[in-house]
PDB file of N, CA and C in Angstrom:
ATOM      1  N   PRO A   1     -19.715   1.434  -0.229  1.00  0.00           N
ATOM      2  CA  PRO A   1     -19.312   2.691   0.832  1.00  0.00           C
ATOM      3  C   PRO A   1     -19.443   3.976  -0.319  1.00  0.00           C
ATOM      4  N   ALA A   2     -19.357   5.288   0.142  1.00  0.00           N
ATOM      5  CA  ALA A   2     -19.240   6.701  -0.343  1.00  0.00           C
ATOM      6  C   ALA A   2     -17.932   6.759  -1.310  1.00  0.00           C
ATOM      7  N   SER A   3     -17.430   6.473  -0.479  1.00  0.00           N
ATOM      8  CA  SER A   3     -15.741   7.171  -1.459  1.00  0.00           C
ATOM      9  C   SER A   3     -15.012   5.133  -1.038  1.00  0.00           C
ATOM     10  N   SER A   4     -14.849   5.323  -2.193  1.00  0.00           N
ATOM     11  CA  SER A   4     -13.761   3.779  -2.125  1.00  0.00           C
ATOM     12  C   SER A   4     -12.801   4.058  -3.013  1.00  0.00           C
ATOM     13  N   PRO A   5     -11.287   2.843  -3.207  1.00  0.00           N
ATOM     14  CA  PRO A   5     -10.708   3.337  -4.768  1.00  0.00           C
ATOM     15  C   PRO A   5     -11.126   2.526  -6.153  1.00  0.00           C
ATOM     16  N   ASP A   6     -10.620   2.619  -6.887  1.00  0.00           N
ATOM     17  CA  ASP A   6     -10.797   2.747  -7.726  1.00  0.00           C
ATOM     18  C   ASP A   6     -10.759   0.800  -7.554  1.00  0.00           C
ATOM     19  N   THR A   7     -11.238   0.105  -8.694  1.00  0.00           N
ATOM     20  CA  THR A   7     -11.358  -1.409  -9.229  1.00  0.00           C
ATOM     21  C   THR A   7      -9.985  -1.462  -9.462  1.00  0.00           C
ATOM     22  N   ARG A   8      -9.208  -2.689  -9.260  1.00  0.00           N
ATOM     23  CA  ARG A   8      -7.815  -2.390  -9.308  1.00  0.00           C
ATOM     24  C   ARG A   8      -7.349  -3.952  -9.465  1.00  0.00           C
ATOM     25  N   TYR A   9      -6.712  -4.850  -9.821  1.00  0.00           N
ATOM     26  CA  TYR A   9      -5.600  -5.886  -8.976  1.00  0.00           C
ATOM     27  C   TYR A   9      -4.611  -5.791  -9.245  1.00  0.00           C
ATOM     28  N   TRP A  10      -3.698  -6.682  -8.599  1.00  0.00           N
ATOM     29  CA  TRP A  10      -2.441  -7.044  -8.292  1.00  0.00           C
ATOM     30  C   TRP A  10      -1.895  -5.998  -7.167  1.00  0.00           C
ATOM     31  N   HIS A  11      -3.169  -5.286  -6.245  1.00  0.00           N
ATOM     32  CA  HIS A  11      -2.344  -4.300  -5.596  1.00  0.00           C
ATOM     33  C   HIS A  11      -1.842  -5.242  -4.524  1.00  0.00           C
ATOM     34  N   GLY A  12      -0.912  -3.983  -3.573  1.00  0.00           N
ATOM     35  CA  GLY A  12      -0.956  -5.219  -1.916  1.00  0.00           C
ATOM     36  C   GLY A  12      -1.787  -4.559  -1.034  1.00  0.00           C
ATOM     37  N   MET A  13      -1.904  -5.590  -0.093  1.00  0.00           N
ATOM     38  CA  MET A  13      -3.238  -5.480   0.694  1.00  0.00           C
ATOM     39  C   MET A  13      -2.790  -6.109   2.271  1.00  0.00           C
ATOM     40  N   VAL A  14      -2.938  -5.617   3.260  1.00  0.00           N
ATOM     41  CA  VAL A  14      -2.643  -6.412   4.766  1.00  0.00           C
ATOM     42  C   VAL A  14      -3.345  -5.801   5.497  1.00  0.00           C
ATOM     43  N   TYR A  15      -3.720  -6.619   6.379  1.00  0.00           N
ATOM     44  CA  TYR A  15      -4.418  -6.614   7.814  1.00  0.00           C
ATOM     45  C   TYR A  15      -3.624  -6.152   8.707  1.00  0.00           C
ATOM     46  N   ASP A  16      -3.699  -4.785   9.418  1.00  0.00           N
ATOM     47  CA  ASP A  16      -3.084  -4.234  10.607  1.00  0.00           C
ATOM     48  C   ASP A  16      -3.636  -5.053  11.617  1.00  0.00           C
ATOM     49  N   SER A  17      -3.394  -5.276  12.140  1.00  0.00           N
ATOM     50  CA  SER A  17      -4.113  -6.247  13.855  1.00  0.00           C
ATOM     51  C   SER A  17      -3.820  -5.237  15.248  1.00  0.00           C
ATOM     52  N   ASN A  18      -2.928  -4.586  14.870  1.00  0.00           N
ATOM     53  CA  ASN A  18      -3.123  -3.735  15.829  1.00  0.00           C
ATOM     54  C   ASN A  18      -3.971  -2.513  15.721  1.00  0.00           C
ATOM     55  N   TYR A  19      -4.372  -1.858  14.886  1.00  0.00           N
ATOM     56  CA  TYR A  19      -5.512  -0.717  14.506  1.00  0.00           C
ATOM     57  C   TYR A  19      -7.112  -1.348  14.124  1.00  0.00           C
ATOM     58  N   HIS A  20      -6.560  -2.696  13.621  1.00  0.00           N
ATOM     59  CA  HIS A  20      -7.681  -2.861  13.051  1.00  0.00           C
ATOM     60  C   HIS A  20      -8.552  -2.681  11.857  1.00  0.00           C
ATOM     61  N   LYS A  21      -7.276  -2.182  10.424  1.00  0.00           N
ATOM     62  CA  LYS A  21      -7.515  -1.830   9.409  1.00  0.00           C
ATOM     63  C   LYS A  21      -6.948  -2.674   8.376  1.00  0.00           C
ATOM     64  N   VAL A  22      -7.653  -2.492   7.315  1.00  0.00           N
ATOM     65  CA  VAL A  22      -6.770  -3.151   5.845  1.00  0.00           C
ATOM     66  C   VAL A  22      -6.262  -1.663   5.053  1.00  0.00           C
ATOM     67  N   ILE A  23      -5.139  -2.120   5.056  1.00  0.00           N
ATOM     68  CA  ILE A  23      -4.250  -1.239   4.254  1.00  0.00           C
ATOM     69  C   ILE A  23      -4.253  -1.949   2.832  1.00  0.00           C
ATOM     70  N   VAL A  24      -4.253  -0.467   1.610  1.00  0.00           N
ATOM     71  CA  VAL A  24      -3.845  -1.060   0.163  1.00  0.00           C
ATOM     72  C   VAL A  24      -2.973  -0.252  -0.378  1.00  0.00           C
ATOM     73  N   PHE A  25      -2.393  -0.253  -0.855  1.00  0.00           N
ATOM     74  CA  PHE A  25      -1.668  -0.054  -1.988  1.00  0.00           C
ATOM     75  C   PHE A  25      -1.166   0.032  -3.126  1.00  0.00           C
ATOM     76  N   GLY A  26      -1.994   0.662  -4.304  1.00  0.00           N
ATOM     77  CA  GLY A  26      -0.931   0.859  -5.798  1.00  0.00           C
ATOM     78  C   GLY A  26      -1.645  -0.838  -6.529  1.00  0.00           C
ATOM     79  N   GLY A  27      -1.448  -1.358  -7.023  1.00  0.00           N
ATOM     80  CA  GLY A  27      -1.590  -2.528  -8.108  1.00  0.00           C
ATOM     81  C   GLY A  27      -2.328  -2.158  -9.725  1.00  0.00           C
ATOM     82  N   ARG A  28      -2.966  -2.432 -10.147  1.00  0.00           N
ATOM     83  CA  ARG A  28      -3.554  -2.261 -11.624  1.00  0.00           C
ATOM     84  C   ARG A  28      -4.719  -1.521 -11.865  1.00  0.00           C
ATOM     85  N   ASN A  29      -4.842  -0.441 -12.399  1.00  0.00           N
ATOM     86  CA  ASN A  29      -6.272   0.370 -11.987  1.00  0.00           C
ATOM     87  C   ASN A  29      -6.937  -0.943 -13.441  1.00  0.00           C
ATOM     88  N   ALA A  30      -8.143  -1.483 -13.438  1.00  0.00           N
ATOM     89  CA  ALA A  30      -8.773  -2.492 -14.065  1.00  0.00           C
ATOM     90  C   ALA A  30      -9.820  -1.221 -15.123  1.00  0.00           C
ATOM     91  N   GLY A  31      -9.452  -0.259 -14.884  1.00  0.00           N
ATOM     92  CA  GLY A  31      -9.879   0.807 -15.598  1.00  0.00           C
ATOM     93  C   GLY A  31      -9.377   1.457 -16.779  1.00  0.00           C
ATOM     94  N   ALA A  32      -8.690   1.017 -16.360  1.00  0.00           N
ATOM     95  CA  ALA A  32      -7.235   1.930 -17.355  1.00  0.00           C
ATOM     96  C   ALA A  32      -6.225   0.448 -17.685  1.00  0.00           C
ATOM     97  N   PRO A  33      -6.344  -0.549 -18.157  1.00  0.00           N
ATOM     98  CA  PRO A  33      -5.200  -1.150 -18.421  1.00  0.00           C
ATOM     99  C   PRO A  33      -3.640  -0.506 -19.062  1.00  0.00           C
ATOM    100  N   GLY A  34      -2.741  -0.992 -18.167  1.00  0.00           N
ATOM    101  CA  GLY A  34      -1.206  -0.501 -18.046  1.00  0.00           C
ATOM    102  C   GLY A  34      -1.075   0.212 -16.806  1.00  0.00           C
ATOM    103  N   GLN A  35      -2.141   1.541 -16.101  1.00  0.00           N
ATOM    104  CA  GLN A  35      -1.656   1.722 -15.679  1.00  0.00           C
ATOM    105  C   GLN A  35      -1.655   1.516 -14.415  1.00  0.00           C
ATOM    106  N   ALA A  36      -0.489   1.534 -13.222  1.00  0.00           N
ATOM    107  CA  ALA A  36       0.021   1.232 -12.208  1.00  0.00           C
ATOM    108  C   ALA A  36      -0.829   2.248 -11.658  1.00  0.00           C
ATOM    109  N   LEU A  37      -0.985   2.396 -10.103  1.00  0.00           N
ATOM    110  CA  LEU A  37      -1.629   3.184  -9.194  1.00  0.00           C
ATOM    111  C   LEU A  37      -0.342   2.979  -7.625  1.00  0.00           C
ATOM    112  N   GLU A  38      -0.524   4.476  -7.377  1.00  0.00           N
ATOM    113  CA  GLU A  38      -0.009   4.663  -5.969  1.00  0.00           C
ATOM    114  C   GLU A  38      -0.293   5.009  -5.148  1.00  0.00           C
ATOM    115  N   ASP A  39      -1.543   4.800  -5.112  1.00  0.00           N
ATOM    116  CA  ASP A  39      -2.107   5.531  -3.813  1.00  0.00           C
ATOM    117  C   ASP A  39      -2.427   4.102  -2.824  1.00  0.00           C
ATOM    118  N   THR A  40      -3.048   4.907  -1.495  1.00  0.00           N
ATOM    119  CA  THR A  40      -3.107   4.200  -0.355  1.00  0.00           C
ATOM    120  C   THR A  40      -4.696   4.166   0.347  1.00  0.00           C
ATOM    121  N   TRP A  41      -4.696   3.167   0.606  1.00  0.00           N
ATOM    122  CA  TRP A  41      -6.392   3.788   1.108  1.00  0.00           C
ATOM    123  C   TRP A  41      -6.280   2.595   2.306  1.00  0.00           C
ATOM    124  N   VAL A  42      -7.120   2.705   3.697  1.00  0.00           N
ATOM    125  CA  VAL A  42      -7.504   2.270   4.649  1.00  0.00           C
ATOM    126  C   VAL A  42      -9.008   2.100   5.088  1.00  0.00           C
ATOM    127  N   PHE A  43      -9.456   0.658   4.818  1.00  0.00           N
ATOM    128  CA  PHE A  43     -11.175  -0.109   5.102  1.00  0.00           C
ATOM    129  C   PHE A  43     -10.669  -0.042   6.599  1.00  0.00           C
ATOM    130  N   ASP A  44     -12.098  -0.028   7.002  1.00  0.00           N
ATOM    131  CA  ASP A  44     -12.630   0.137   8.531  1.00  0.00           C
ATOM    132  C   ASP A  44     -13.425  -0.863   8.471  1.00  0.00           C
ATOM    133  N   PRO A  45     -13.140  -1.637   8.652  1.00  0.00           N
ATOM    134  CA  PRO A  45     -14.424  -2.548   8.531  1.00  0.00           C
ATOM    135  C   PRO A  45     -15.705  -2.540  10.253  1.00  0.00           C
ATOM    136  N   SER A  46     -15.246  -2.097  11.245  1.00  0.00           N
ATOM    137  CA  SER A  46     -16.196  -1.617  11.909  1.00  0.00           C
ATOM    138  C   SER A  46     -17.326  -0.590  11.439  1.00  0.00           C
ATOM    139  N   ASN A  47     -16.814   0.217  10.101  1.00  0.00           N
ATOM    140  CA  ASN A  47     -17.950   0.944   9.499  1.00  0.00           C
ATOM    141  C   ASN A  47     -18.246   0.716   8.180  1.00  0.00           C
ATOM    142  N   ASN A  48     -17.361  -0.349   7.822  1.00  0.00           N
ATOM    143  CA  ASN A  48     -17.773  -0.267   6.521  1.00  0.00           C
ATOM    144  C   ASN A  48     -17.438   0.774   5.403  1.00  0.00           C
ATOM    145  N   GLU A  49     -15.978   1.897   6.134  1.00  0.00           N
ATOM    146  CA  GLU A  49     -15.907   2.833   5.305  1.00  0.00           C
ATOM    147  C   GLU A  49     -14.483   3.142   4.766  1.00  0.00           C
ATOM    148  N   TRP A  50     -14.100   3.273   3.388  1.00  0.00           N
ATOM    149  CA  TRP A  50     -12.953   3.480   2.716  1.00  0.00           C
ATOM    150  C   TRP A  50     -11.886   5.092   3.082  1.00  0.00           C
ATOM    151  N   THR A  51     -11.152   5.304   3.488  1.00  0.00           N
ATOM    152  CA  THR A  51     -10.248   6.399   3.199  1.00  0.00           C
ATOM    153  C   THR A  51      -9.314   6.487   2.929  1.00  0.00           C
ATOM    154  N   GLU A  52      -9.172   7.413   1.273  1.00  0.00           N
ATOM    155  CA  GLU A  52      -8.548   7.561   0.866  1.00  0.00           C
ATOM    156  C   GLU A  52      -6.811   8.348   1.892  1.00  0.00           C
ATOM    157  N   LEU A  53      -6.111   8.058   1.868  1.00  0.00           N
ATOM    158  CA  LEU A  53      -4.561   8.746   3.353  1.00  0.00           C
ATOM    159  C   LEU A  53      -3.625   9.246   2.096  1.00  0.00           C
ATOM    160  N   LEU A  54      -3.567   9.981   2.650  1.00  0.00           N
ATOM    161  CA  LEU A  54      -2.543  11.168   1.479  1.00  0.00           C
ATOM    162  C   LEU A  54      -0.915  11.105   2.501  1.00  0.00           C
ATOM    163  N   PRO A  55      -0.506   9.827   2.327  1.00  0.00           N
ATOM    164  CA  PRO A  55       0.981  10.584   2.891  1.00  0.00           C
ATOM    165  C   PRO A  55       1.980  11.108   2.537  1.00  0.00           C
ATOM    166  N   SER A  56       3.200  12.093   2.721  1.00  0.00           N
ATOM    167  CA  SER A  56       3.903  13.019   2.118  1.00  0.00           C
ATOM    168  C   SER A  56       4.618  12.413   1.041  1.00  0.00           C
ATOM    169  N   SER A  57       4.872  10.719   1.713  1.00  0.00           N
ATOM    170  CA  SER A  57       5.845  10.617   0.456  1.00  0.00           C
ATOM    171  C   SER A  57       5.970   8.555   0.516  1.00  0.00           C
ATOM    172  N   HIS A  58       5.279   8.310  -0.618  1.00  0.00           N
ATOM    173  CA  HIS A  58       4.903   7.089  -0.582  1.00  0.00           C
ATOM    174  C   HIS A  58       6.025   6.329  -1.927  1.00  0.00           C
ATOM    175  N   PRO A  59       5.908   4.903  -1.801  1.00  0.00           N
ATOM    176  CA  PRO A  59       6.160   4.243  -3.331  1.00  0.00           C
ATOM    177  C   PRO A  59       5.974   5.083  -4.764  1.00  0.00           C
ATOM    178  N   SER A  60       6.822   4.685  -5.812  1.00  0.00           N
ATOM    179  CA  SER A  60       6.678   5.177  -6.608  1.00  0.00           C
ATOM    180  C   SER A  60       5.388   4.245  -7.384  1.00  0.00           C
ATOM    181  N   ASN A  61       4.307   4.479  -8.029  1.00  0.00           N
ATOM    182  CA  ASN A  61       3.385   3.480  -9.043  1.00  0.00           C
ATOM    183  C   ASN A  61       3.824   2.157  -9.107  1.00  0.00           C
ATOM    184  N   ARG A  62       2.735   1.216  -9.011  1.00  0.00           N
ATOM    185  CA  ARG A  62       3.499   0.160  -8.890  1.00  0.00           C
ATOM    186  C   ARG A  62       2.344  -1.520  -8.818  1.00  0.00           C
ATOM    187  N   MET A  63       2.419  -2.521  -9.746  1.00  0.00           N
ATOM    188  CA  MET A  63       1.970  -3.648  -8.687  1.00  0.00           C
ATOM    189  C   MET A  63       2.411  -4.727  -8.897  1.00  0.00           C
ATOM    190  N   ASP A  64       1.731  -5.560  -7.950  1.00  0.00           N
ATOM    191  CA  ASP A  64       2.416  -7.055  -7.646  1.00  0.00           C
ATOM    192  C   ASP A  64       3.291  -6.848  -6.366  1.00  0.00           C
ATOM    193  N   SER A  65       3.739  -6.116  -5.908  1.00  0.00           N
ATOM    194  CA  SER A  65       4.657  -5.652  -4.693  1.00  0.00           C
ATOM    195  C   SER A  65       4.185  -7.126  -3.913  1.00  0.00           C
ATOM    196  N   SER A  66       5.146  -7.567  -3.138  1.00  0.00           N
ATOM    197  CA  SER A  66       4.812  -8.248  -1.819  1.00  0.00           C
ATOM    198  C   SER A  66       4.490  -7.085  -0.591  1.00  0.00           C
ATOM    199  N   VAL A  67       3.722  -7.975   0.434  1.00  0.00           N
ATOM    200  CA  VAL A  67       3.274  -6.586   2.017  1.00  0.00           C
ATOM    201  C   VAL A  67       2.893  -7.618   2.800  1.00  0.00           C
ATOM    202  N   ILE A  68       3.403  -7.226   3.950  1.00  0.00           N
ATOM    203  CA  ILE A  68       3.123  -8.042   4.838  1.00  0.00           C
ATOM    204  C   ILE A  68       2.908  -7.084   6.406  1.00  0.00           C
ATOM    205  N   TYR A  69       2.571  -7.480   7.336  1.00  0.00           N
ATOM    206  CA  TYR A  69       2.187  -6.666   8.098  1.00  0.00           C
ATOM    207  C   TYR A  69       3.019  -7.450   9.528  1.00  0.00           C
ATOM    208  N   ASP A  70       3.962  -6.152   9.941  1.00  0.00           N
ATOM    209  CA  ASP A  70       4.419  -6.504  11.133  1.00  0.00           C
ATOM    210  C   ASP A  70       4.458  -5.941  12.302  1.00  0.00           C
ATOM    211  N   SER A  71       3.363  -7.158  13.342  1.00  0.00           N
ATOM    212  CA  SER A  71       2.798  -6.223  14.344  1.00  0.00           C
ATOM    213  C   SER A  71       4.020  -5.996  16.017  1.00  0.00           C
ATOM    214  N   ASN A  72       5.021  -6.321  15.112  1.00  0.00           N
ATOM    215  CA  ASN A  72       5.297  -6.132  17.090  1.00  0.00           C
ATOM    216  C   ASN A  72       6.454  -4.719  16.295  1.00  0.00           C
ATOM    217  N   HIS A  73       6.132  -3.890  15.364  1.00  0.00           N
ATOM    218  CA  HIS A  73       6.886  -2.913  14.967  1.00  0.00           C
ATOM    219  C   HIS A  73       5.784  -2.260  14.299  1.00  0.00           C
ATOM    220  N   GLN A  74       4.499  -2.178  14.625  1.00  0.00           N
ATOM    221  CA  GLN A  74       3.213  -1.917  14.151  1.00  0.00           C
ATOM    222  C   GLN A  74       3.335  -1.537  12.554  1.00  0.00           C
ATOM    223  N   LYS A  75       3.859  -2.190  11.834  1.00  0.00           N
ATOM    224  CA  LYS A  75       4.267  -1.666  10.206  1.00  0.00           C
ATOM    225  C   LYS A  75       3.776  -2.548   9.128  1.00  0.00           C
ATOM    226  N   THR A  76       3.753  -1.952   7.965  1.00  0.00           N
ATOM    227  CA  THR A  76       3.791  -2.570   6.918  1.00  0.00           C
ATOM    228  C   THR A  76       4.656  -2.566   6.401  1.00  0.00           C
ATOM    229  N   ILE A  77       5.120  -3.713   5.598  1.00  0.00           N
ATOM    230  CA  ILE A  77       5.986  -3.445   5.007  1.00  0.00           C
ATOM    231  C   ILE A  77       5.793  -4.318   2.822  1.00  0.00           C
ATOM    232  N   LEU A  78       6.434  -3.144   2.285  1.00  0.00           N
ATOM    233  CA  LEU A  78       6.539  -3.526   0.800  1.00  0.00           C
ATOM    234  C   LEU A  78       7.320  -3.790   0.388  1.00  0.00           C
ATOM    235  N   PHE A  79       7.797  -4.762  -0.276  1.00  0.00           N
ATOM    236  CA  PHE A  79       8.677  -4.890  -1.253  1.00  0.00           C
ATOM    237  C   PHE A  79       8.722  -4.860  -2.626  1.00  0.00           C
ATOM    238  N   GLY A  80       9.121  -4.443  -3.396  1.00  0.00           N
ATOM    239  CA  GLY A  80       9.400  -4.807  -4.736  1.00  0.00           C
ATOM    240  C   GLY A  80       7.886  -4.080  -5.783  1.00  0.00           C
ATOM    241  N   GLY A  81       8.058  -5.456  -7.118  1.00  0.00           N
ATOM    242  CA  GLY A  81       6.741  -4.696  -7.966  1.00  0.00           C
ATOM    243  C   GLY A  81       7.536  -4.114  -8.919  1.00  0.00           C
ATOM    244  N   PHE A  82       6.444  -4.030 -10.201  1.00  0.00           N
ATOM    245  CA  PHE A  82       6.973  -3.907 -11.228  1.00  0.00           C
ATOM    246  C   PHE A  82       6.012  -2.587 -11.801  1.00  0.00           C
ATOM    247  N   ARG A  83       6.354  -2.270 -13.027  1.00  0.00           N
ATOM    248  CA  ARG A  83       5.358  -1.409 -13.553  1.00  0.00           C
ATOM    249  C   ARG A  83       5.219  -2.373 -15.642  1.00  0.00           C
ATOM    250  N   PHE A  84       4.018  -2.130 -15.972  1.00  0.00           N
ATOM    251  CA  PHE A  84       4.369  -2.391 -17.118  1.00  0.00           C
ATOM    252  C   PHE A  84       5.032  -1.782 -18.273  1.00  0.00           C
ATOM    253  N   SER A  85       5.492  -0.869 -17.875  1.00  0.00           N
ATOM    254  CA  SER A  85       7.199  -0.352 -18.839  1.00  0.00           C
ATOM    255  C   SER A  85       8.344  -1.563 -19.089  1.00  0.00           C
ATOM    256  N   GLY A  86       7.978  -1.857 -17.857  1.00  0.00           N
ATOM    257  CA  GLY A  86       9.504  -3.022 -17.799  1.00  0.00           C
ATOM    258  C   GLY A  86      10.244  -2.466 -16.652  1.00  0.00           C
ATOM    259  N   ASN A  87       9.896  -1.269 -16.094  1.00  0.00           N
ATOM    260  CA  ASN A  87      10.466  -1.308 -14.692  1.00  0.00           C
ATOM    261  C   ASN A  87      10.233  -2.478 -13.488  1.00  0.00           C
ATOM    262  N   THR A  88      11.487  -2.491 -13.124  1.00  0.00           N
ATOM    263  CA  THR A  88      11.596  -3.801 -11.798  1.00  0.00           C
ATOM    264  C   THR A  88      11.664  -2.832 -10.630  1.00  0.00           C
ATOM    265  N   PHE A  89      11.210  -3.372  -9.568  1.00  0.00           N
ATOM    266  CA  PHE A  89      12.025  -2.415  -8.110  1.00  0.00           C
ATOM    267  C   PHE A  89      12.326  -3.862  -7.220  1.00  0.00           C
ATOM    268  N   GLY A  90      13.251  -2.830  -6.560  1.00  0.00           N
ATOM    269  CA  GLY A  90      13.465  -3.852  -5.703  1.00  0.00           C
ATOM    270  C   GLY A  90      14.106  -3.013  -4.166  1.00  0.00           C
ATOM    271  N   ASP A  91      13.239  -1.698  -4.067  1.00  0.00           N
ATOM    272  CA  ASP A  91      13.249  -1.493  -2.906  1.00  0.00           C
ATOM    273  C   ASP A  91      12.245  -1.927  -2.040  1.00  0.00           C
ATOM    274  N   THR A  92      12.513  -1.917  -0.397  1.00  0.00           N
ATOM    275  CA  THR A  92      11.738  -1.771   0.510  1.00  0.00           C
ATOM    276  C   THR A  92      11.172  -0.706   1.121  1.00  0.00           C
ATOM    277  N   TRP A  93      10.296  -0.495   1.305  1.00  0.00           N
ATOM    278  CA  TRP A  93       9.248   0.858   2.294  1.00  0.00           C
ATOM    279  C   TRP A  93       9.120   0.059   3.676  1.00  0.00           C
ATOM    280  N   THR A  94       8.395   0.845   4.855  1.00  0.00           N
ATOM    281  CA  THR A  94       7.805   0.804   5.776  1.00  0.00           C
ATOM    282  C   THR A  94       6.307   1.993   5.563  1.00  0.00           C
ATOM    283  N   TYR A  95       5.336   1.051   6.371  1.00  0.00           N
ATOM    284  CA  TYR A  95       3.956   2.137   6.449  1.00  0.00           C
ATOM    285  C   TYR A  95       3.726   2.104   7.698  1.00  0.00           C
ATOM    286  N   ALA A  96       3.548   3.200   8.227  1.00  0.00           N
ATOM    287  CA  ALA A  96       3.022   3.327   9.870  1.00  0.00           C
ATOM    288  C   ALA A  96       1.465   4.123   9.832  1.00  0.00           C
ATOM    289  N   TYR A  97       0.609   3.658  10.064  1.00  0.00           N
ATOM    290  CA  TYR A  97      -0.688   3.695  10.166  1.00  0.00           C
ATOM    291  C   TYR A  97      -0.980   5.162  11.342  1.00  0.00           C
ATOM    292  N   ASN A  98      -0.171   4.872  12.003  1.00  0.00           N
ATOM    293  CA  ASN A  98      -0.519   6.153  13.184  1.00  0.00           C
ATOM    294  C   ASN A  98       0.369   7.154  12.822  1.00  0.00           C
ATOM    295  N   SER A  99       1.524   6.746  12.117  1.00  0.00           N
ATOM    296  CA  SER A  99       1.560   8.438  11.514  1.00  0.00           C
ATOM    297  C   SER A  99       1.307   8.507  10.274  1.00  0.00           C
ATOM    298  N   ASN A 100       0.715   8.174   9.248  1.00  0.00           N
ATOM    299  CA  ASN A 100      -0.063   7.652   8.215  1.00  0.00           C
ATOM    300  C   ASN A 100       2.029   8.310   7.122  1.00  0.00           C
ATOM    301  N   SER A 101       2.824   7.566   7.841  1.00  0.00           N
ATOM    302  CA  SER A 101       4.046   7.929   6.883  1.00  0.00           C
ATOM    303  C   SER A 101       4.331   6.484   5.976  1.00  0.00           C
ATOM    304  N   TRP A 102       5.205   6.645   4.734  1.00  0.00           N
ATOM    305  CA  TRP A 102       5.809   5.593   4.221  1.00  0.00           C
ATOM    306  C   TRP A 102       7.239   5.940   4.232  1.00  0.00           C
ATOM    307  N   ASN A 103       7.949   5.234   4.329  1.00  0.00           N
ATOM    308  CA  ASN A 103       9.647   5.535   4.890  1.00  0.00           C
ATOM    309  C   ASN A 103      10.706   4.256   3.727  1.00  0.00           C
ATOM    310  N   ILE A 104      11.216   5.135   3.062  1.00  0.00           N
ATOM    311  CA  ILE A 104      12.014   3.858   2.591  1.00  0.00           C
ATOM    312  C   ILE A 104      13.290   3.496   2.915  1.00  0.00           C
ATOM    313  N   VAL A 105      13.200   2.033   3.403  1.00  0.00           N
ATOM    314  CA  VAL A 105      14.577   1.517   4.003  1.00  0.00           C
ATOM    315  C   VAL A 105      15.950   1.649   3.029  1.00  0.00           C
ATOM    316  N   LYS A 106      16.679   1.901   3.856  1.00  0.00           N
ATOM    317  CA  LYS A 106      17.783   2.929   3.574  1.00  0.00           C
ATOM    318  C   LYS A 106      19.006   1.357   3.576  1.00  0.00           C
ATOM    319  N   GLY A 107      18.278   0.218   4.610  1.00  0.00           N
ATOM    320  CA  GLY A 107      19.641  -0.924   4.780  1.00  0.00           C
ATOM    321  C   GLY A 107      19.995  -1.062   6.213  1.00  0.00           C
ATOM    322  N   GLY A 108      19.653  -2.438   6.501  1.00  0.00           N
ATOM    323  CA  GLY A 108      20.119  -2.534   8.547  1.00  0.00           C
ATOM    324  C   GLY A 108      18.579  -2.628   8.705  1.00  0.00           C
ATOM    325  N   ASP A 109      18.330  -2.400   9.508  1.00  0.00           N
ATOM    326  CA  ASP A 109      16.927  -2.956  10.618  1.00  0.00           C
ATOM    327  C   ASP A 109      15.749  -2.497   9.870  1.00  0.00           C
ATOM    328  N   LEU A 110      14.632  -2.860  10.131  1.00  0.00           N
ATOM    329  CA  LEU A 110      13.226  -2.372   9.436  1.00  0.00           C
ATOM    330  C   LEU A 110      12.893  -1.481  10.857  1.00  0.00           C
TER     331      LEU A 110
END
């Protein structure tokens, strides 16, 4: 593809079964060891294209987050992760593809 995310590992990735897209968040930049990423990308398998999404808010840069897709609520759920500086995260975020929005979960229902 003409546009694609930086090479990375320890990223969060899920398949959004409602919109038939692959969502990728963060991870470790393979070209800059120690750099945790905070970008959101979508891959559309129907046309083999990557698109960088630019939501107004998002989780901070991190790697090794746990990510699942909740098809009932049509949201990606991201939990935790860490940075090489020693920071670990215990926060939970949801991402809605239809509105391109990340929201932190303050407690209670997702």
